[in-house]
N, C-alpha and C. Protein backbone atom coordinates (compact mmCIF):
# COMPACT_ATOMS: atom_id res chain seq x y z
N MET A 1 1.28 -1.40 0.03
CA MET A 1 -0.08 -0.27 0.36
C MET A 1 0.78 1.15 -0.26
N SER A 2 0.34 2.04 -0.83
CA SER A 2 1.47 2.86 -1.26
C SER A 2 0.68 4.35 -0.51
N THR A 3 1.16 4.64 0.41
CA THR A 3 0.47 6.44 0.84
C THR A 3 1.06 7.69 0.68
N LEU A 4 0.68 8.72 0.13
CA LEU A 4 0.80 9.66 -0.76
C LEU A 4 2.65 10.55 -0.32
N ASN A 5 3.13 11.26 -0.60
CA ASN A 5 3.62 12.07 -0.89
C ASN A 5 3.61 13.04 -0.14
N ALA A 6 4.63 13.19 0.88
CA ALA A 6 4.50 13.79 2.26
C ALA A 6 3.94 15.84 1.46
N ALA A 7 4.95 15.65 0.17
CA ALA A 7 4.93 16.62 0.27
C ALA A 7 3.78 17.65 -0.73
N ASN A 8 3.28 16.09 -1.13
CA ASN A 8 2.20 16.59 -2.39
C ASN A 8 0.33 16.60 -1.12
N ALA A 9 0.64 16.08 0.30
CA ALA A 9 -0.28 15.53 1.18
C ALA A 9 -1.31 16.52 1.50
N LYS A 10 -0.75 17.95 1.66
CA LYS A 10 -1.45 18.83 2.09
C LYS A 10 -2.36 18.32 2.78
N GLY A 11 -1.51 17.55 4.32
CA GLY A 11 -2.16 17.34 5.43
C GLY A 11 -2.86 15.97 5.41
N ASN A 12 -2.75 15.40 4.30
CA ASN A 12 -3.75 14.73 4.08
C ASN A 12 -2.93 13.01 4.67
N ALA A 13 -3.04 12.06 4.94
CA ALA A 13 -1.63 11.60 5.69
C ALA A 13 -2.80 10.08 5.43
N ILE A 14 -4.17 10.69 4.44
CA ILE A 14 -4.86 9.31 4.19
C ILE A 14 -3.94 8.76 2.53
N THR A 15 -4.39 6.91 2.48
CA THR A 15 -3.71 6.50 0.88
C THR A 15 -4.23 6.48 -0.20
N ARG A 16 -3.16 6.54 -0.76
CA ARG A 16 -3.80 6.93 -2.36
C ARG A 16 -5.05 5.71 -2.64
N LYS A 17 -5.64 4.93 -1.88
CA LYS A 17 -6.43 3.70 -2.26
C LYS A 17 -7.63 4.01 -1.89
N PRO A 18 -7.85 4.11 -0.82
CA PRO A 18 -8.97 4.58 0.19
C PRO A 18 -9.82 6.25 -0.80
N SER A 19 -8.25 7.31 -0.68
CA SER A 19 -8.71 8.98 -1.42
C SER A 19 -9.44 8.67 -2.84
N ALA A 20 -8.92 6.98 -3.24
CA ALA A 20 -9.90 7.23 -4.37
C ALA A 20 -10.84 7.35 -4.92
N TYR A 21 -11.94 6.35 -3.70
CA TYR A 21 -13.57 6.36 -3.21
C TYR A 21 -14.27 7.50 -3.40
N SER A 22 -14.86 7.90 -3.56
CA SER A 22 -15.49 8.62 -3.14
C SER A 22 -17.65 8.19 -2.72
N THR A 23 -18.42 9.02 -2.32
CA THR A 23 -19.54 9.03 -2.30
C THR A 23 -20.71 9.97 -2.97
N ARG A 24 -21.21 9.93 -3.03
CA ARG A 24 -22.25 11.76 -2.97
C ARG A 24 -21.04 12.48 -2.94
N GLY A 25 -19.84 12.67 -4.24
CA GLY A 25 -18.83 13.82 -3.94
C GLY A 25 -17.96 13.38 -3.44
N LYS A 26 -17.61 13.09 -1.73
CA LYS A 26 -17.26 13.69 -0.80
C LYS A 26 -16.14 12.02 -0.92
N ASN A 27 -14.22 11.96 -0.73
CA ASN A 27 -14.01 11.64 -0.62
C ASN A 27 -13.04 11.32 1.31
N ILE A 28 -12.74 10.10 1.08
CA ILE A 28 -12.23 10.11 2.74
C ILE A 28 -12.10 11.39 3.26
N SER A 29 -11.32 11.93 2.87
CA SER A 29 -11.09 12.85 3.92
C SER A 29 -11.81 14.35 3.74
N ASP A 30 -12.79 14.14 2.91
CA ASP A 30 -14.00 15.40 3.27
C ASP A 30 -14.89 14.81 3.73
N VAL A 31 -14.41 13.33 4.68
CA VAL A 31 -15.53 12.72 4.82
C VAL A 31 -15.16 13.51 6.79
N LEU A 32 -13.77 13.10 6.55
CA LEU A 32 -12.66 13.28 7.82
C LEU A 32 -12.67 14.80 7.95
N ASP A 33 -12.99 16.04 7.31
CA ASP A 33 -12.84 16.40 7.40
C ASP A 33 -14.24 18.09 7.97
N MET A 34 -15.20 16.73 7.74
CA MET A 34 -16.99 17.53 8.41
C MET A 34 -17.17 17.51 9.83
N GLU A 35 -18.14 18.36 9.86
CA GLU A 35 -18.37 18.11 11.33
C GLU A 35 -19.33 17.65 10.98
N VAL A 36 -19.96 17.13 12.81
CA VAL A 36 -20.04 15.80 13.02
C VAL A 36 -22.02 16.49 12.51
N GLN A 37 -21.73 17.94 12.79
CA GLN A 37 -23.62 18.01 12.30
C GLN A 37 -23.82 18.02 10.92
N GLU A 38 -22.33 18.20 9.93
CA GLU A 38 -22.50 18.28 8.27
C GLU A 38 -22.54 16.86 8.45
N ALA A 39 -22.21 16.05 8.64
CA ALA A 39 -21.99 14.51 8.78
C ALA A 39 -23.09 14.19 8.44
N ALA A 40 -23.44 14.55 9.94
CA ALA A 40 -25.31 13.80 9.54
C ALA A 40 -26.79 14.69 9.15
N LYS A 41 -26.23 15.26 8.39
CA LYS A 41 -27.03 15.37 7.74
C LYS A 41 -26.55 14.57 6.23
N PHE A 42 -25.03 15.12 5.86
CA PHE A 42 -24.94 13.76 4.19
C PHE A 42 -24.62 12.62 4.46
N PHE A 43 -24.69 12.02 6.40
CA PHE A 43 -25.42 9.93 6.11
C PHE A 43 -27.15 10.08 5.82
N GLU A 44 -27.73 10.68 6.90
CA GLU A 44 -28.66 11.08 7.06
C GLU A 44 -29.47 9.84 6.30
N HIS A 45 -29.35 9.28 5.05
CA HIS A 45 -29.79 8.42 3.90
C HIS A 45 -29.34 6.29 4.93
N ILE A 46 -28.10 6.56 5.66
CA ILE A 46 -28.13 5.67 6.60
C ILE A 46 -28.21 5.46 8.15
N PRO A 47 -29.16 4.83 8.35
CA PRO A 47 -29.70 5.10 9.87
C PRO A 47 -28.54 4.62 11.35
N ARG A 48 -27.17 2.96 10.25
CA ARG A 48 -26.55 2.84 11.34
C ARG A 48 -25.66 4.29 11.91
N ILE A 49 -24.75 5.01 10.78
CA ILE A 49 -24.39 6.13 11.14
C ILE A 49 -24.87 7.40 11.55
N SER A 50 -25.81 7.86 11.01
CA SER A 50 -27.30 8.49 11.18
C SER A 50 -27.04 8.99 12.49
N ARG A 51 -27.75 7.05 13.29
CA ARG A 51 -27.90 7.62 14.41
C ARG A 51 -26.97 7.20 15.37
N LYS A 52 -25.72 7.63 15.55
CA LYS A 52 -24.26 7.55 15.95
C LYS A 52 -24.08 8.89 15.66
N LEU A 53 -24.18 9.53 14.83
CA LEU A 53 -23.83 11.10 15.03
C LEU A 53 -25.10 11.56 15.78
N GLU A 54 -25.98 11.49 15.39
CA GLU A 54 -27.03 12.33 16.36
C GLU A 54 -26.30 12.07 17.72
N THR A 55 -26.79 10.91 18.07
CA THR A 55 -25.87 11.41 19.24
C THR A 55 -24.84 12.09 20.04
N LEU A 56 -24.48 11.78 19.03
CA LEU A 56 -22.11 12.89 19.62
C LEU A 56 -23.60 14.59 19.30
N ILE A 57 -24.50 15.08 18.80
CA ILE A 57 -25.01 16.03 18.68
C ILE A 57 -26.22 15.81 19.96
N ASP A 58 -26.04 15.33 20.40
CA ASP A 58 -27.34 15.29 21.20
C ASP A 58 -26.33 16.16 22.50
N VAL A 59 -25.18 15.15 22.78
CA VAL A 59 -24.48 15.59 24.03
C VAL A 59 -23.40 16.51 23.46
N GLY A 60 -23.86 17.87 22.93
CA GLY A 60 -23.04 18.96 22.42
C GLY A 60 -21.87 18.93 21.83
N LEU A 61 -21.88 16.86 20.56
CA LEU A 61 -20.21 17.33 19.97
C LEU A 61 -20.81 17.55 18.64
N GLY A 62 -21.29 18.26 18.65
CA GLY A 62 -21.61 18.40 16.95
C GLY A 62 -20.46 19.78 16.29
N TYR A 63 -20.33 20.20 16.82
CA TYR A 63 -18.91 21.38 15.82
C TYR A 63 -18.04 20.57 16.01
N MET A 64 -17.81 18.80 16.66
CA MET A 64 -16.14 18.62 16.50
C MET A 64 -16.59 18.07 14.92
N LYS A 65 -14.60 18.21 14.71
CA LYS A 65 -14.77 17.29 13.18
C LYS A 65 -14.69 16.02 13.46
N LEU A 66 -14.64 14.86 12.17
CA LEU A 66 -14.98 13.27 12.12
C LEU A 66 -13.43 13.46 12.72
N GLY A 67 -12.48 14.08 11.97
CA GLY A 67 -11.37 12.97 11.93
C GLY A 67 -9.98 13.54 12.94
N GLN A 68 -11.05 14.92 14.05
CA GLN A 68 -10.17 15.12 15.09
C GLN A 68 -9.92 13.84 16.21
N SER A 69 -8.25 14.53 15.71
CA SER A 69 -7.42 13.70 16.83
C SER A 69 -7.95 13.50 18.01
N SER A 70 -7.89 11.98 19.10
CA SER A 70 -8.71 11.98 20.24
C SER A 70 -7.87 12.61 21.06
N THR A 71 -6.07 12.84 20.87
CA THR A 71 -5.00 13.83 21.36
C THR A 71 -6.08 15.53 21.86
N THR A 72 -6.62 16.18 20.93
CA THR A 72 -7.42 17.14 21.66
C THR A 72 -8.49 17.10 21.43
N LEU A 73 -8.93 16.05 22.09
CA LEU A 73 -10.49 16.26 22.74
C LEU A 73 -10.10 17.15 24.83
N SER A 74 -11.52 17.30 25.40
CA SER A 74 -10.60 18.54 26.68
C SER A 74 -11.36 17.09 26.98
N GLY A 75 -11.65 16.78 28.36
CA GLY A 75 -11.78 15.83 29.16
C GLY A 75 -13.25 15.27 29.05
N GLY A 76 -14.37 17.00 28.79
CA GLY A 76 -15.56 16.95 29.04
C GLY A 76 -15.57 16.16 27.39
N GLU A 77 -15.25 16.55 26.63
CA GLU A 77 -15.45 16.16 24.94
C GLU A 77 -15.10 14.52 25.83
N SER A 78 -14.00 13.54 26.11
CA SER A 78 -13.78 12.47 26.09
C SER A 78 -14.80 11.85 27.16
N GLN A 79 -15.41 12.40 27.92
CA GLN A 79 -16.71 12.64 28.52
C GLN A 79 -17.87 11.56 28.15
N ARG A 80 -18.27 12.95 27.03
CA ARG A 80 -19.49 12.74 25.88
C ARG A 80 -18.83 11.32 25.43
N ILE A 81 -17.98 11.48 24.81
CA ILE A 81 -17.70 10.60 23.61
C ILE A 81 -17.97 9.08 24.18
N LYS A 82 -17.67 9.22 25.29
CA LYS A 82 -17.74 7.97 26.33
C LYS A 82 -19.48 7.54 26.40
N ILE A 83 -20.33 8.37 27.12
CA ILE A 83 -21.38 8.37 27.00
C ILE A 83 -21.52 7.67 25.78
N THR A 84 -22.07 8.92 24.99
CA THR A 84 -22.33 8.41 23.04
C THR A 84 -22.29 6.60 22.72
N ARG A 85 -21.06 5.95 22.92
CA ARG A 85 -20.25 4.94 23.41
C ARG A 85 -21.52 3.93 23.66
N GLU A 86 -21.67 4.12 25.06
CA GLU A 86 -22.73 3.52 25.71
C GLU A 86 -24.71 3.38 25.07
N LEU A 87 -24.45 5.40 25.02
CA LEU A 87 -26.04 5.17 24.30
C LEU A 87 -26.42 4.15 23.43
N SER A 88 -25.21 4.62 22.82
CA SER A 88 -24.80 3.54 21.32
C SER A 88 -26.00 2.38 21.16
N LYS A 89 -25.48 1.61 22.97
CA LYS A 89 -25.37 0.06 22.99
C LYS A 89 -26.24 -0.08 22.87
N ASN A 90 -27.74 0.72 23.47
CA ASN A 90 -28.70 -0.04 24.12
C ASN A 90 -29.18 -0.60 25.07
N LYS A 91 -28.10 -0.67 26.27
CA LYS A 91 -28.38 -1.36 27.03
C LYS A 91 -29.54 -0.55 28.51
N THR A 92 -29.65 -1.65 28.69
CA THR A 92 -30.97 -0.96 30.04
C THR A 92 -30.81 -1.20 31.59
N GLY A 93 -30.33 -0.34 31.92
CA GLY A 93 -30.22 -0.35 33.37
C GLY A 93 -28.50 -1.42 33.81
N HIS A 94 -29.00 -0.76 35.77
CA HIS A 94 -27.52 -1.58 36.03
C HIS A 94 -26.16 -0.84 35.74
N VAL A 95 -25.88 -0.05 35.16
CA VAL A 95 -25.22 0.42 34.68
C VAL A 95 -25.06 1.47 35.67
N ILE A 96 -23.73 1.57 36.49
CA ILE A 96 -22.46 2.74 37.02
C ILE A 96 -22.24 3.95 36.24
N TYR A 97 -22.43 5.20 36.00
CA TYR A 97 -21.74 6.56 35.38
C TYR A 97 -21.42 7.33 36.22
N MET A 98 -19.68 7.76 36.39
CA MET A 98 -19.28 8.26 36.29
C MET A 98 -18.35 9.52 35.78
N LEU A 99 -18.73 10.74 36.39
CA LEU A 99 -18.71 11.63 34.92
C LEU A 99 -17.90 13.43 36.15
N ASP A 100 -17.21 13.77 35.53
CA ASP A 100 -15.93 14.22 36.25
C ASP A 100 -16.44 15.91 35.45
N GLU A 101 -17.19 17.27 35.50
CA GLU A 101 -17.28 17.97 34.94
C GLU A 101 -17.93 17.83 33.45
N PRO A 102 -18.48 16.98 33.10
CA PRO A 102 -18.48 16.75 31.52
C PRO A 102 -19.22 18.27 31.03
N THR A 103 -19.39 19.51 31.28
CA THR A 103 -20.23 20.63 30.83
C THR A 103 -19.17 21.61 30.18
N THR A 104 -17.75 21.06 30.95
CA THR A 104 -16.72 21.63 30.39
C THR A 104 -16.61 22.41 29.51
N GLY A 105 -16.89 23.51 28.64
CA GLY A 105 -17.21 24.29 27.65
C GLY A 105 -17.71 24.07 26.78
N LEU A 106 -19.42 23.27 27.29
CA LEU A 106 -20.37 23.37 26.34
C LEU A 106 -21.03 25.09 26.65
N HIS A 107 -22.14 24.93 25.82
CA HIS A 107 -23.07 26.26 25.14
C HIS A 107 -24.46 25.82 26.22
N PHE A 108 -24.85 26.91 26.06
CA PHE A 108 -25.95 26.62 27.12
C PHE A 108 -26.80 25.92 26.24
N ASP A 109 -27.55 25.48 25.57
CA ASP A 109 -28.41 24.61 24.47
C ASP A 109 -27.73 23.67 25.05
N ASP A 110 -25.96 23.46 24.59
CA ASP A 110 -25.61 22.07 24.79
C ASP A 110 -25.79 21.07 25.99
N VAL A 111 -25.57 22.35 27.75
CA VAL A 111 -26.07 21.13 28.38
C VAL A 111 -26.79 21.13 28.57
N LYS A 112 -28.20 21.74 28.31
CA LYS A 112 -29.71 21.50 28.21
C LYS A 112 -29.83 19.74 27.60
N ARG A 113 -28.91 19.78 26.49
CA ARG A 113 -29.57 18.81 25.69
C ARG A 113 -28.21 17.48 26.89
N LEU A 114 -27.40 17.75 27.18
CA LEU A 114 -27.13 16.72 28.09
C LEU A 114 -27.81 16.31 28.94
N ILE A 115 -28.14 17.24 29.81
CA ILE A 115 -29.42 17.31 31.01
C ILE A 115 -30.60 15.92 30.46
N GLN A 116 -31.21 16.07 29.19
CA GLN A 116 -31.56 15.52 28.41
C GLN A 116 -30.85 13.97 28.89
N VAL A 117 -30.08 13.68 27.75
CA VAL A 117 -28.70 12.82 26.94
C VAL A 117 -28.52 11.81 29.07
N LEU A 118 -28.25 12.23 29.98
CA LEU A 118 -28.19 11.42 31.53
C LEU A 118 -29.85 11.64 32.15
N ASN A 119 -30.67 12.32 32.03
CA ASN A 119 -31.80 12.13 31.98
C ASN A 119 -32.21 10.99 31.41
N SER A 120 -32.02 10.04 30.28
CA SER A 120 -32.73 8.91 29.82
C SER A 120 -31.45 7.83 29.94
N LEU A 121 -29.98 7.96 30.64
CA LEU A 121 -29.90 7.17 30.81
C LEU A 121 -29.79 7.16 32.56
N VAL A 122 -30.79 7.51 33.40
CA VAL A 122 -31.22 7.02 34.56
C VAL A 122 -32.75 6.21 34.86
N ASP A 123 -33.44 7.10 33.36
CA ASP A 123 -35.11 6.21 32.85
C ASP A 123 -34.90 5.38 32.79
N LYS A 124 -33.56 4.38 32.02
CA LYS A 124 -33.64 3.54 31.32
C LYS A 124 -32.83 2.39 32.81
N GLY A 125 -33.34 3.34 34.30
CA GLY A 125 -32.02 2.10 35.46
C GLY A 125 -30.99 2.06 35.82
N ASN A 126 -30.08 3.03 34.86
CA ASN A 126 -28.94 3.72 35.03
C ASN A 126 -28.59 4.16 36.78
N THR A 127 -27.16 4.28 37.01
CA THR A 127 -27.33 5.43 37.69
C THR A 127 -25.37 6.80 37.26
N VAL A 128 -26.35 7.78 37.61
CA VAL A 128 -25.19 8.82 36.85
C VAL A 128 -24.54 9.85 38.28
N TYR A 129 -22.84 9.52 38.69
CA TYR A 129 -22.66 10.25 39.77
C TYR A 129 -22.20 10.81 38.68
N ILE A 130 -21.75 12.28 39.36
CA ILE A 130 -21.15 13.29 38.60
C ILE A 130 -21.47 14.51 39.70
N ILE A 131 -19.31 14.80 39.34
CA ILE A 131 -18.97 16.28 39.91
C ILE A 131 -18.83 17.34 39.20
N GLU A 132 -19.69 17.60 39.41
CA GLU A 132 -19.44 19.03 38.71
C GLU A 132 -20.27 20.57 39.53
N HIS A 133 -19.73 21.97 38.52
CA HIS A 133 -19.74 22.79 38.83
C HIS A 133 -21.22 23.99 38.03
N ASN A 134 -22.01 23.03 37.36
CA ASN A 134 -22.29 23.81 36.83
C ASN A 134 -24.12 23.65 37.05
N LEU A 135 -24.41 24.94 37.06
CA LEU A 135 -25.80 24.71 38.69
C LEU A 135 -26.90 24.26 37.89
N ASP A 136 -26.77 24.55 36.64
CA ASP A 136 -28.24 23.51 35.74
C ASP A 136 -27.86 22.15 35.94
N ILE A 137 -27.21 21.80 35.87
CA ILE A 137 -26.64 19.85 35.80
C ILE A 137 -26.98 19.81 37.68
N ILE A 138 -26.59 20.71 38.79
CA ILE A 138 -26.62 20.18 39.72
C ILE A 138 -28.52 20.97 39.92
N LYS A 139 -29.31 21.38 39.55
CA LYS A 139 -30.76 21.89 40.14
C LYS A 139 -31.42 20.38 39.63
N SER A 140 -31.07 19.58 38.14
CA SER A 140 -31.67 18.86 37.35
C SER A 140 -31.47 16.99 38.84
N CYS A 141 -30.48 17.26 39.94
CA CYS A 141 -30.01 16.01 40.15
C CYS A 141 -31.39 15.81 41.25
N ASP A 142 -31.26 14.37 41.93
CA ASP A 142 -32.07 13.46 41.84
C ASP A 142 -31.62 13.96 43.59
N TYR A 143 -30.72 13.66 43.81
CA TYR A 143 -29.56 13.99 45.30
C TYR A 143 -27.84 14.31 45.02
N LEU A 144 -28.18 15.19 46.26
CA LEU A 144 -26.73 16.29 46.08
C LEU A 144 -26.08 15.82 47.40
N LEU A 145 -24.40 16.09 47.44
CA LEU A 145 -23.73 15.94 48.33
C LEU A 145 -23.04 16.80 47.99
N ASP A 146 -22.81 17.87 49.25
CA ASP A 146 -22.17 19.41 48.72
C ASP A 146 -20.20 19.15 49.81
N LEU A 147 -19.98 19.22 49.16
CA LEU A 147 -18.62 18.63 49.88
C LEU A 147 -17.64 19.81 49.31
N GLY A 148 -16.94 20.49 51.00
CA GLY A 148 -15.77 21.77 50.50
C GLY A 148 -15.27 21.58 52.08
N PRO A 149 -14.91 22.43 52.91
CA PRO A 149 -15.43 24.14 52.57
C PRO A 149 -14.90 24.98 51.41
N GLU A 150 -13.55 24.29 50.74
CA GLU A 150 -12.65 25.49 49.84
C GLU A 150 -12.84 23.35 48.68
N GLY A 151 -11.28 23.89 47.58
CA GLY A 151 -11.27 22.47 47.44
C GLY A 151 -9.57 22.18 47.79
N GLY A 152 -9.47 20.70 47.20
CA GLY A 152 -7.92 19.68 47.66
C GLY A 152 -7.21 19.49 48.98
N ALA A 153 -6.54 20.45 49.37
CA ALA A 153 -6.40 20.18 51.03
C ALA A 153 -7.05 19.91 52.61
N CYS A 154 -7.93 21.73 51.65
CA CYS A 154 -9.47 22.42 53.15
C CYS A 154 -11.00 22.22 51.97
N GLY A 155 -10.34 21.03 51.57
CA GLY A 155 -12.44 20.52 50.89
C GLY A 155 -12.24 18.77 52.16
N GLY A 156 -13.38 18.26 51.09
CA GLY A 156 -13.33 17.11 51.53
C GLY A 156 -14.35 16.69 52.46
N GLU A 157 -14.56 17.69 52.90
CA GLU A 157 -15.90 17.62 54.23
C GLU A 157 -17.64 17.46 53.80
N MET A 158 -18.17 16.70 54.74
CA MET A 158 -19.34 16.72 53.59
C MET A 158 -20.39 18.07 54.06
N LEU A 159 -20.20 19.24 53.95
CA LEU A 159 -21.68 20.20 53.91
C LEU A 159 -22.63 20.12 54.15
N ALA A 160 -23.37 20.09 53.54
CA ALA A 160 -24.70 19.06 52.88
C ALA A 160 -24.92 17.75 51.88
N GLU A 161 -26.33 17.81 52.27
CA GLU A 161 -26.64 16.82 50.91
C GLU A 161 -27.83 17.06 51.24
N GLY A 162 -28.72 15.95 50.14
CA GLY A 162 -29.70 15.93 50.29
C GLY A 162 -30.38 16.38 48.16
N THR A 163 -31.41 16.72 48.38
CA THR A 163 -31.98 17.03 47.51
C THR A 163 -31.97 18.50 46.99
N PRO A 164 -31.99 19.16 45.65
CA PRO A 164 -31.45 20.57 46.18
C PRO A 164 -32.01 20.81 46.15
N GLU A 165 -34.25 20.77 46.79
CA GLU A 165 -34.37 21.62 47.47
C GLU A 165 -34.21 21.90 49.02
N GLU A 166 -33.37 20.71 49.57
CA GLU A 166 -32.97 20.19 50.60
C GLU A 166 -31.84 21.60 50.24
N ILE A 167 -31.03 21.48 49.82
CA ILE A 167 -29.64 21.67 49.93
C ILE A 167 -30.07 23.78 50.45
N VAL A 168 -30.45 24.01 49.11
CA VAL A 168 -30.60 25.60 49.33
C VAL A 168 -30.74 26.44 50.25
N LYS A 169 -31.76 24.96 51.20
CA LYS A 169 -32.50 25.27 52.68
C LYS A 169 -30.33 25.14 53.84
N ASP A 170 -29.84 24.26 53.55
CA ASP A 170 -29.06 24.17 54.57
C ASP A 170 -27.64 25.13 54.00
N PRO A 171 -27.86 25.90 55.76
CA PRO A 171 -26.68 27.59 55.48
C PRO A 171 -25.90 26.84 55.84
N GLN A 172 -24.83 25.97 55.91
CA GLN A 172 -23.46 25.06 55.73
C GLN A 172 -23.60 24.98 54.45
N SER A 173 -24.38 25.00 53.38
CA SER A 173 -23.86 25.01 51.92
C SER A 173 -23.48 26.23 50.91
N TYR A 174 -22.17 25.95 50.77
CA TYR A 174 -22.23 26.85 49.63
C TYR A 174 -22.61 26.72 47.89
N THR A 175 -23.01 25.68 47.01
CA THR A 175 -23.77 25.26 45.87
C THR A 175 -25.09 25.71 47.09
N GLY A 176 -25.58 25.24 47.99
CA GLY A 176 -27.15 25.76 48.69
C GLY A 176 -27.29 27.47 47.43
N LYS A 177 -26.19 28.24 48.19
CA LYS A 177 -26.55 30.47 48.59
C LYS A 177 -26.28 30.22 47.19
N PHE A 178 -25.94 29.78 46.31
CA PHE A 178 -25.89 29.43 44.17
C PHE A 178 -27.16 29.45 43.68
N LEU A 179 -27.29 28.00 44.48
CA LEU A 179 -28.70 26.88 43.92
C LEU A 179 -29.50 27.27 43.86
N LYS A 180 -29.57 28.89 45.12
CA LYS A 180 -30.91 28.86 45.55
C LYS A 180 -31.89 29.86 43.96
N ASN A 181 -30.58 30.74 43.48
CA ASN A 181 -31.33 31.37 42.93
C ASN A 181 -31.57 30.68 41.38
N VAL A 182 -30.71 29.70 40.95
CA VAL A 182 -31.19 29.45 40.04
C VAL A 182 -32.43 28.25 39.94
N LEU A 183 -32.98 28.02 41.71
CA LEU A 183 -33.28 27.03 41.04
C LEU A 183 -35.20 28.34 41.54
N ALA A 184 -35.20 29.21 41.44
CA ALA A 184 -35.78 30.44 41.75
C ALA A 184 -36.47 30.39 40.34
N SER A 185 -35.71 30.66 39.43
CA SER A 185 -35.88 31.65 38.19
C SER A 185 -36.06 30.80 37.82
N ASN A 186 -35.92 29.23 38.13
CA ASN A 186 -36.09 27.91 37.23
C ASN A 186 -35.73 27.88 35.48
N MET A 187 -34.65 28.16 35.59
CA MET A 187 -33.72 29.05 33.95
C MET A 187 -33.64 27.63 33.32
N ILE A 188 -33.97 26.68 33.16
CA ILE A 188 -33.54 25.81 32.47
C ILE A 188 -34.74 25.01 31.88
N GLN A 189 -35.94 24.94 31.18
CA GLN A 189 -36.89 23.96 30.69
C GLN A 189 -36.72 22.52 30.05
N LEU A 190 -36.95 21.96 30.34
CA LEU A 190 -36.90 20.21 29.77
C LEU A 190 -38.58 19.92 29.41
């Protein structure tokens, strides 16, 4: 198998043989350069591919390029890709998911979508544990453990626990002080 000459490749490391084939006017390099959102439309006629791409969009990754290197992903993006893998397996129940700040870098609308995806995991009988500072995620949780009072060596104490409504009533909860305003304004409508 011969690879393209690096000087003529223009950043394309695809071998000649696969890049010679195309579908609907796009070769493999063109497809790998597509954003997930664009690719979902391009492949809408192929349900097996379309479903996976729609799941990526559902967790707020529609902006990513299909050929994007995994080494360039943030921690939140990597976690959301793992969530899409789980969602595509169509398993139901008895799985524990642990996520660390999955909303990092997400737009408000993508946070809303992520909440819907996480709720669908719970609706299927799964358990989701999240370490998170995003108040829209926090207010959507069934039960909270508020640790502090600070981070690192100055934290780790249980300040409060309970439902979001119980946390806002606990005077020791730092989270509760901020969450109170969010619950009052009900910023996200699901």
